[in-house]
Amino acid sequence: MSHNEETPGVGASDGQQGERPGPESQHLAELGPRGMYEAAEKLCRTTTGDGPLEASAARAVGRIAETLADTRSRDSVTFAVDLVNRLLPEGAMPPGEGDRLLRSVAAKLAKAQHLRDIEPLFREVPDGIPDPAVELRACLLGELALIGSGAGRRSLEAYAEKLRELGHPLARLPGARLDIEHRFAVRVRGLGSIKTAKQLRSRFPEAPAADGGAAVGRGAEDARDDGRANAAARPFTAGGWAREPEARFFTLPRPLSPDDFGISFIKELPLRCLTGEGSRRGSALAWVTTPDDVLNELFSASYVGGVNGQGQGGAYARLYAWESLYALMGLPTCVPLLEAVRRAPDHRWLRFMAFTDWFHHDTSDLAFAVLDPTRTRVAVLAATDTDVPRDALGFLDERTR
């Protein structure tokens, strides 16, 4: 399994919080930790040929591991981790499902178990990264950081330091939530996904409707950077949003005044998401926002996942959000996170909304524009999600190219 692999497709990290356990989980829980573990062992000893039974047995073992991780007891911790690390047959699960399981078990352990029962998992530091046991612990450290647990525990800190030495991608993240991350996974009534201009108006100040930026926008040159674009879009591609996001970068012919950084400027950029703007009811609009708002939306995109997508777990959702923010700001990955936080207010941040065929105006639509401190470079990121079948989207994609 790749420690950095995206697992497109539902809720690897309890993205749908507050869910009640289904009948199957309740039935498993009635067996008790040892009964569940013995049932899983029996499934793992089943020898089958190449066929659906082996995959279905592996999935059943995965469900048992998740139920154990969610059942508070020291034995449950031991059994859940053992099932993931040792008993699941190599290659028995389809590509990506093994990573999904690791991330889900890690998230459930962090939320359901006492830290004193988790801590023994970190007694021995790893020798290398490509190991499910190491990956599960890396995810678990990431989940604990998000809930503010584990600080000051020597074994956990020693393990995290070793992961940094080995170059694990999650190890670049701090062991505690930063202030700019205060909204991660926090639900507030009335502050769900934004679908209308009315919602945006009620929450953000509208950007000045100045026309001075239009001429600068017409002179903008495309600064294509596929690697940077992939990093910017990753929260949405990882979360399985319905349409491929649009991540674009532009250089400007002259510095753009922050007062002219608004929808008149954005409408002049050659963006696919704005193709046909003005042909439908409603006009494109822009609102001033802040780096923490953008970062939270990036986190939520892969933490919850798309309607037909898959949550990536809190640890990886956090990583993808920061990678995307760095791409939007044009920062190299060697810049420390706190330095990125310091530089973020020097940029100008906008949300915008447009009534075009590219946006679904259904479950989720997001669009950001970022003006760098020199006022000569702009990054744009747009994403949209729907429960419309993917084959129906191909036709719309052709129309908006």
Protein backbone atom coordinates (compact mmCIF):
# COMPACT_ATOMS: atom_id res chain seq x y z
CA MET A 1 0.00 0.00 0.00
CA SER A 2 1.23 3.48 -0.80
CA HIS A 3 1.38 5.82 2.17
CA ASN A 4 0.54 8.74 -0.09
CA GLU A 5 -2.11 7.13 -2.27
CA GLU A 6 -5.46 8.78 -2.73
CA THR A 7 -8.45 6.53 -2.25
CA PRO A 8 -11.24 8.03 -4.32
CA GLY A 9 -14.68 6.83 -3.73
CA VAL A 10 -17.24 6.99 1.54
CA GLY A 11 -16.04 8.22 4.87
CA ALA A 12 -12.56 6.89 5.57
CA SER A 13 -12.27 8.98 8.65
CA ASP A 14 -15.76 9.17 9.98
CA GLY A 15 -16.32 12.06 7.62
CA GLN A 16 -20.03 11.56 8.17
CA GLN A 17 -19.91 12.28 11.85
CA GLY A 18 -22.73 11.38 14.16
CA GLU A 19 -23.68 8.27 12.21
CA ARG A 20 -25.40 5.58 14.20
CA PRO A 21 -23.95 2.10 13.86
CA GLY A 22 -25.84 -0.11 11.47
CA PRO A 23 -27.33 -3.53 12.29
CA GLU A 24 -24.19 -5.33 11.15
CA SER A 25 -21.94 -3.32 13.49
CA GLN A 26 -24.35 -3.83 16.37
CA HIS A 27 -24.36 -7.57 15.74
CA LEU A 28 -20.57 -7.69 15.65
CA ALA A 29 -20.33 -5.69 18.87
CA GLU A 30 -22.52 -8.26 20.61
CA LEU A 31 -19.82 -10.86 20.01
CA GLY A 32 -17.37 -8.91 22.17
CA PRO A 33 -13.77 -8.08 21.20
CA ARG A 34 -12.43 -11.64 21.38
CA GLY A 35 -15.42 -13.10 19.56
CA MET A 36 -15.01 -10.58 16.75
CA TYR A 37 -11.29 -11.26 16.53
CA GLU A 38 -11.79 -15.04 16.36
CA ALA A 39 -14.41 -14.60 13.64
CA ALA A 40 -11.95 -12.48 11.64
CA GLU A 41 -9.15 -15.01 12.13
CA LYS A 42 -11.39 -17.73 10.79
CA LEU A 43 -12.14 -15.64 7.70
CA CYS A 44 -8.45 -14.94 7.17
CA ARG A 45 -7.60 -18.65 7.32
CA THR A 46 -10.11 -19.38 4.58
CA THR A 47 -8.21 -20.38 1.46
CA THR A 48 -9.92 -19.55 -1.79
CA GLY A 49 -8.98 -19.24 -5.39
CA ASP A 50 -9.14 -16.10 -7.45
CA GLY A 51 -12.70 -14.97 -7.07
CA PRO A 52 -15.09 -12.65 -5.29
CA LEU A 53 -15.18 -14.71 -2.08
CA GLU A 54 -11.63 -13.76 -1.14
CA ALA A 55 -12.30 -10.08 -1.64
CA SER A 56 -15.60 -10.27 0.24
CA ALA A 57 -13.88 -12.07 3.12
CA ALA A 58 -11.21 -9.37 3.26
CA ARG A 59 -13.90 -6.69 3.36
CA ALA A 60 -15.65 -8.54 6.16
CA VAL A 61 -12.40 -8.63 8.13
CA GLY A 62 -12.03 -4.91 7.48
CA ARG A 63 -15.49 -4.23 8.88
CA ILE A 64 -14.63 -6.24 11.97
CA ALA A 65 -11.41 -4.24 12.40
CA GLU A 66 -13.36 -0.99 12.15
CA THR A 67 -15.94 -2.18 14.69
CA LEU A 68 -13.16 -3.24 17.07
CA ALA A 69 -11.46 0.14 16.67
CA ASP A 70 -14.75 1.78 17.62
CA THR A 71 -15.27 -0.47 20.67
CA ARG A 72 -13.51 0.99 23.70
CA SER A 73 -11.19 -1.52 25.40
CA ARG A 74 -7.49 -2.36 25.39
CA ASP A 75 -8.18 -5.72 23.74
CA SER A 76 -10.11 -3.99 20.96
CA VAL A 77 -7.10 -1.79 20.19
CA THR A 78 -4.77 -4.79 20.04
CA PHE A 79 -7.12 -6.89 17.93
CA ALA A 80 -8.04 -4.11 15.48
CA VAL A 81 -4.40 -3.22 14.80
CA ASP A 82 -3.41 -6.87 14.49
CA LEU A 83 -6.13 -7.54 11.92
CA VAL A 84 -5.02 -4.63 9.79
CA ASN A 85 -1.29 -5.27 10.12
CA ARG A 86 -1.07 -9.05 9.97
CA LEU A 87 -4.20 -10.92 9.04
CA LEU A 88 -5.51 -9.17 5.95
CA PRO A 89 -4.20 -11.15 2.95
CA GLU A 90 -1.87 -9.07 0.78
CA GLY A 91 -3.67 -7.96 -2.33
CA ALA A 92 -7.03 -9.36 -1.24
CA MET A 93 -8.68 -5.94 -1.28
CA PRO A 94 -9.10 -3.86 -4.43
CA PRO A 95 -6.60 -1.02 -4.97
CA GLY A 96 -7.14 1.80 -2.53
CA GLU A 97 -9.41 -0.11 -0.16
CA GLY A 98 -6.51 -1.17 2.02
CA ASP A 99 -5.46 2.46 2.48
CA ARG A 100 -9.06 3.43 3.17
CA LEU A 101 -9.23 0.78 5.88
CA LEU A 102 -5.98 1.93 7.50
CA ARG A 103 -7.18 5.52 7.64
CA SER A 104 -10.61 4.57 8.93
CA VAL A 105 -9.26 2.35 11.70
CA ALA A 106 -6.79 5.05 12.74
CA ALA A 107 -9.56 7.67 12.94
CA LYS A 108 -11.82 5.41 14.98
CA LEU A 109 -9.03 4.45 17.37
CA ALA A 110 -8.20 8.11 18.01
CA LYS A 111 -11.81 9.03 18.71
CA ALA A 112 -12.99 5.97 20.63
CA GLN A 113 -10.04 4.67 22.64
CA HIS A 114 -8.22 5.84 25.76
CA LEU A 115 -4.75 7.20 25.03
CA ARG A 116 -3.29 4.84 27.62
CA ASP A 117 -4.49 1.91 25.50
CA ILE A 118 -3.14 3.43 22.28
CA GLU A 119 0.29 4.39 23.60
CA PRO A 120 1.74 0.82 23.66
CA LEU A 121 1.43 0.76 19.84
CA PHE A 122 4.37 3.17 19.68
CA ARG A 123 6.89 1.35 21.85
CA GLU A 124 9.14 0.51 18.88
CA VAL A 125 10.17 3.07 16.28
CA PRO A 126 9.95 2.03 12.62
CA ASP A 127 12.84 0.98 10.38
CA GLY A 128 11.13 2.06 7.17
CA ILE A 129 7.94 3.50 5.71
CA PRO A 130 6.46 0.88 3.30
CA ASP A 131 4.70 -1.13 6.01
CA PRO A 132 0.97 -1.16 6.89
CA ALA A 133 1.87 -1.14 10.59
CA VAL A 134 3.89 2.05 10.15
CA GLU A 135 1.24 3.68 7.95
CA LEU A 136 -1.52 2.97 10.46
CA ARG A 137 0.53 4.55 13.25
CA ALA A 138 1.38 7.57 11.11
CA CYS A 139 -2.33 8.09 10.44
CA LEU A 140 -3.10 7.58 14.12
CA LEU A 141 -0.58 10.26 15.13
CA GLY A 142 -2.20 12.59 12.62
CA GLU A 143 -5.68 11.92 13.99
CA LEU A 144 -4.50 12.44 17.58
CA ALA A 145 -2.96 15.78 16.62
CA LEU A 146 -6.30 16.98 15.28
CA ILE A 147 -8.11 16.19 18.54
CA GLY A 148 -5.32 17.60 20.72
CA SER A 149 -4.23 14.30 22.24
CA GLY A 150 -0.83 12.69 22.72
CA ALA A 151 1.28 15.78 23.37
CA GLY A 152 4.12 15.15 25.80
CA ARG A 153 4.03 11.36 25.44
CA ARG A 154 7.62 10.32 24.82
CA SER A 155 6.88 7.18 22.82
CA LEU A 156 4.54 9.06 20.48
CA GLU A 157 6.98 11.93 20.02
CA ALA A 158 9.88 9.53 19.38
CA TYR A 159 7.82 7.71 16.76
CA ALA A 160 6.85 11.00 15.09
CA GLU A 161 10.49 12.12 15.03
CA LYS A 162 11.51 8.86 13.36
CA LEU A 163 8.81 9.33 10.74
CA ARG A 164 10.28 12.76 9.99
CA GLU A 165 13.72 11.24 9.57
CA LEU A 166 12.28 8.65 7.19
CA GLY A 167 10.46 11.30 5.17
CA HIS A 168 6.87 10.23 5.73
CA PRO A 169 4.62 12.95 4.21
CA LEU A 170 2.36 13.17 7.28
CA ALA A 171 5.39 13.89 9.47
CA ARG A 172 5.73 17.41 8.04
CA LEU A 173 2.53 18.36 9.88
CA PRO A 174 2.79 19.66 13.46
CA GLY A 175 1.77 17.43 16.35
CA ALA A 176 -0.96 19.86 17.42
CA ARG A 177 -3.66 21.77 15.59
CA LEU A 178 -2.59 25.29 14.54
CA ASP A 179 -4.85 28.25 15.24
CA ILE A 180 -5.53 28.66 11.51
CA GLU A 181 -6.93 25.10 11.58
CA HIS A 182 -9.50 25.91 14.28
CA ARG A 183 -12.48 25.06 12.06
CA PHE A 184 -11.28 21.63 10.90
CA ALA A 185 -14.07 19.05 11.35
CA VAL A 186 -16.12 21.52 13.41
CA ARG A 187 -19.78 21.62 12.51
CA VAL A 188 -21.76 24.78 13.16
CA ARG A 189 -25.49 24.91 12.51
CA GLY A 190 -26.21 27.06 9.47
CA LEU A 191 -22.62 27.03 8.21
CA GLY A 192 -22.78 24.07 5.85
CA SER A 193 -21.82 24.06 2.20
CA ILE A 194 -22.61 27.29 0.36
CA LYS A 195 -24.97 26.93 -2.59
CA THR A 196 -26.37 30.42 -3.19
CA ALA A 197 -25.21 34.00 -3.54
CA LYS A 198 -27.51 34.88 -0.63
CA GLN A 199 -25.52 32.57 1.65
CA LEU A 200 -22.24 34.15 0.55
CA ARG A 201 -23.59 37.67 1.09
CA SER A 202 -24.64 36.77 4.62
CA ARG A 203 -21.18 35.51 5.56
CA PHE A 204 -18.58 37.45 3.55
CA PRO A 205 -18.06 41.09 2.49
CA GLU A 206 -18.57 41.57 -1.22
CA ALA A 207 -15.44 42.52 -3.18
CA PRO A 208 -15.46 46.06 -4.59
CA ALA A 209 -17.26 46.17 -7.92
CA ALA A 210 -14.41 48.10 -9.55
CA ASP A 211 -13.86 47.87 -13.30
CA GLY A 212 -10.21 48.86 -13.08
CA GLY A 213 -9.06 45.23 -13.00
CA ALA A 214 -10.68 44.26 -16.29
CA ALA A 215 -7.85 45.61 -18.46
CA VAL A 216 -5.24 43.85 -16.33
CA GLY A 217 -7.24 40.61 -16.53
CA ARG A 218 -7.34 40.80 -20.33
CA GLY A 219 -3.56 40.99 -20.38
CA ALA A 220 -3.02 38.05 -18.01
CA GLU A 221 -0.82 35.24 -19.34
CA ASP A 222 -1.33 31.57 -18.51
CA ALA A 223 1.53 30.29 -16.32
CA ARG A 224 0.86 26.58 -16.67
CA ASP A 225 2.34 24.37 -13.95
CA ASP A 226 0.87 20.86 -13.91
CA GLY A 227 2.54 19.80 -10.67
CA ARG A 228 1.31 22.86 -8.83
CA ALA A 229 -2.15 22.45 -10.35
CA ASN A 230 -2.35 18.83 -9.20
CA ALA A 231 -1.37 19.83 -5.66
CA ALA A 232 -3.97 22.63 -5.62
CA ALA A 233 -6.73 20.31 -6.84
CA ARG A 234 -5.81 17.32 -4.71
CA PRO A 235 -8.38 17.75 -1.91
CA PHE A 236 -11.11 17.46 -4.53
CA THR A 237 -9.58 14.71 -6.66
CA ALA A 238 -8.77 12.69 -3.53
CA GLY A 239 -12.26 13.23 -2.14
CA GLY A 240 -13.82 12.08 -5.39
CA TRP A 241 -15.67 15.25 -6.36
CA ALA A 242 -17.71 14.77 -9.52
CA ARG A 243 -15.79 16.98 -11.95
CA GLU A 244 -12.07 17.52 -12.37
CA PRO A 245 -11.27 20.82 -10.62
CA GLU A 246 -9.86 23.76 -12.52
CA ALA A 247 -6.55 24.98 -11.06
CA ARG A 248 -4.93 27.78 -13.05
CA PHE A 249 -2.11 30.28 -12.58
CA PHE A 250 -1.58 33.61 -14.29
CA THR A 251 1.05 36.33 -14.52
CA LEU A 252 -0.16 39.90 -14.90
CA PRO A 253 1.19 42.60 -17.22
CA ARG A 254 1.43 45.05 -14.32
CA PRO A 255 0.69 45.07 -10.59
CA LEU A 256 -3.00 44.85 -9.76
CA SER A 257 -4.33 47.12 -7.06
CA PRO A 258 -6.10 45.13 -4.32
CA ASP A 259 -9.10 47.43 -4.87
CA ASP A 260 -9.29 46.18 -8.47
CA PHE A 261 -9.05 42.50 -7.47
CA GLY A 262 -12.68 41.57 -7.94
CA ILE A 263 -15.13 39.91 -10.28
CA SER A 264 -14.44 42.31 -13.18
CA PHE A 265 -10.84 41.11 -13.16
CA ILE A 266 -11.74 37.41 -12.73
CA LYS A 267 -14.25 37.47 -15.61
CA GLU A 268 -11.49 38.46 -18.00
CA LEU A 269 -9.38 35.40 -17.22
CA PRO A 270 -9.68 32.50 -19.71
CA LEU A 271 -11.27 30.08 -17.23
CA ARG A 272 -13.30 27.02 -18.23
CA CYS A 273 -15.52 27.48 -15.20
CA LEU A 274 -16.60 30.90 -16.55
CA THR A 275 -17.35 29.79 -20.11
CA GLY A 276 -20.78 31.08 -21.03
CA GLU A 277 -20.92 33.52 -18.11
CA GLY A 278 -23.81 35.90 -18.62
CA SER A 279 -25.84 33.48 -20.75
CA ARG A 280 -27.71 32.12 -17.74
CA ARG A 281 -29.79 33.86 -15.14
CA GLY A 282 -27.56 35.46 -12.53
CA SER A 283 -24.25 37.32 -12.69
CA ALA A 284 -20.85 36.26 -11.40
CA LEU A 285 -19.96 37.76 -8.03
CA ALA A 286 -16.92 37.80 -5.73
CA TRP A 287 -16.47 38.10 -1.98
CA VAL A 288 -13.45 38.82 0.22
CA THR A 289 -12.40 35.90 2.39
CA THR A 290 -9.50 34.78 4.58
CA PRO A 291 -6.82 32.05 4.49
CA ASP A 292 -8.43 30.06 7.33
CA ASP A 293 -11.72 29.92 5.41
CA VAL A 294 -9.96 28.64 2.30
CA LEU A 295 -7.90 26.13 4.26
CA ASN A 296 -11.00 24.80 6.02
CA GLU A 297 -12.84 24.32 2.74
CA LEU A 298 -9.84 22.45 1.33
CA PHE A 299 -9.73 20.23 4.41
CA SER A 300 -13.47 19.51 4.29
CA ALA A 301 -13.34 18.60 0.60
CA SER A 302 -11.23 15.50 1.24
CA TYR A 303 -12.25 14.88 4.87
CA VAL A 304 -15.91 14.43 3.99
CA GLY A 305 -15.41 13.51 0.33
CA GLY A 306 -17.72 14.09 -2.60
CA VAL A 307 -21.29 12.82 -2.85
CA ASN A 308 -20.07 9.77 -4.73
CA GLY A 309 -16.54 10.03 -3.37
CA GLN A 310 -14.63 9.02 -0.29
CA GLY A 311 -13.36 10.75 2.81
CA GLN A 312 -9.59 10.51 3.14
CA GLY A 313 -9.21 10.52 6.92
CA GLY A 314 -8.38 13.52 9.07
CA ALA A 315 -4.61 13.08 8.80
CA TYR A 316 -4.49 13.00 5.01
CA ALA A 317 -7.25 15.60 4.60
CA ARG A 318 -5.05 17.93 6.64
CA LEU A 319 -2.00 17.15 4.48
CA TYR A 320 -3.88 17.64 1.21
CA ALA A 321 -5.36 20.94 2.45
CA TRP A 322 -1.92 22.33 3.27
CA GLU A 323 -0.43 21.10 -0.01
CA SER A 324 -3.26 22.85 -1.86
CA LEU A 325 -2.84 26.08 0.11
CA TYR A 326 0.91 26.08 -0.60
CA ALA A 327 0.17 25.64 -4.31
CA LEU A 328 -2.29 28.54 -4.29
CA MET A 329 0.27 30.74 -2.53
CA GLY A 330 3.12 29.56 -4.78
CA LEU A 331 5.22 28.37 -1.85
CA PRO A 332 7.83 25.58 -2.06
CA THR A 333 7.21 22.65 0.29
CA CYS A 334 10.40 23.46 2.23
CA VAL A 335 8.71 26.52 3.78
CA PRO A 336 7.63 25.69 7.37
CA LEU A 337 3.92 25.74 8.05
CA LEU A 338 4.10 28.58 10.54
CA GLU A 339 6.01 30.66 8.01
CA ALA A 340 3.24 29.94 5.50
CA VAL A 341 0.73 31.14 8.11
CA ARG A 342 2.75 34.34 8.56
CA ARG A 343 2.81 35.01 4.81
CA ALA A 344 -0.85 34.17 4.13
CA PRO A 345 -2.29 37.60 5.13
CA ASP A 346 0.03 39.27 2.60
CA HIS A 347 -2.01 37.60 -0.13
CA ARG A 348 -5.51 38.69 -1.14
CA TRP A 349 -8.19 35.98 -1.02
CA LEU A 350 -11.51 35.89 -2.87
CA ARG A 351 -14.40 33.50 -3.19
CA PHE A 352 -16.43 33.79 -6.36
CA MET A 353 -19.59 32.29 -7.79
CA ALA A 354 -20.68 32.09 -11.41
CA PHE A 355 -23.86 30.82 -13.04
CA THR A 356 -22.41 28.73 -15.85
CA ASP A 357 -22.83 25.16 -17.07
CA TRP A 358 -19.46 24.23 -15.55
CA PHE A 359 -20.80 24.59 -12.01
CA HIS A 360 -23.52 22.13 -11.05
CA HIS A 361 -25.27 24.41 -8.52
CA ASP A 362 -26.21 21.19 -6.78
CA THR A 363 -24.41 19.79 -3.73
CA SER A 364 -21.22 21.86 -3.57
CA ASP A 365 -19.57 24.62 -5.60
CA LEU A 366 -16.32 26.31 -4.60
CA ALA A 367 -14.17 28.87 -6.37
CA PHE A 368 -11.21 30.84 -5.02
CA ALA A 369 -8.84 33.42 -6.46
CA VAL A 370 -5.59 34.40 -4.75
CA LEU A 371 -3.47 37.49 -5.51
CA ASP A 372 0.15 37.21 -4.40
CA PRO A 373 2.04 39.93 -2.44
CA THR A 374 3.76 41.28 -5.58
CA ARG A 375 0.27 41.81 -7.07
CA THR A 376 1.54 40.30 -10.33
CA ARG A 377 0.53 36.65 -9.95
CA VAL A 378 -2.90 35.09 -9.47
CA ALA A 379 -4.01 31.53 -8.68
CA VAL A 380 -7.55 30.28 -9.30
CA LEU A 381 -9.12 27.06 -8.03
CA ALA A 382 -12.68 26.00 -8.84
CA ALA A 383 -14.48 22.76 -7.95
CA THR A 384 -18.02 21.45 -8.21
CA ASP A 385 -19.80 18.31 -7.05
CA THR A 386 -23.07 16.56 -7.85
CA ASP A 387 -24.75 13.20 -7.60
CA VAL A 388 -25.39 13.19 -11.36
CA PRO A 389 -23.91 9.99 -12.88
CA ARG A 390 -20.40 10.51 -14.22
CA ASP A 391 -21.28 9.45 -17.78
CA ALA A 392 -23.75 12.33 -17.93
CA LEU A 393 -20.99 14.75 -16.96
CA GLY A 394 -18.85 13.96 -19.99
CA PHE A 395 -21.28 15.79 -22.25
CA LEU A 396 -21.18 18.90 -20.04
CA ASP A 397 -17.39 18.80 -19.90
CA GLU A 398 -17.23 18.89 -23.69
CA ARG A 399 -19.54 21.90 -23.76
CA THR A 400 -17.37 23.87 -21.34
CA ARG A 401 -13.98 23.22 -22.95
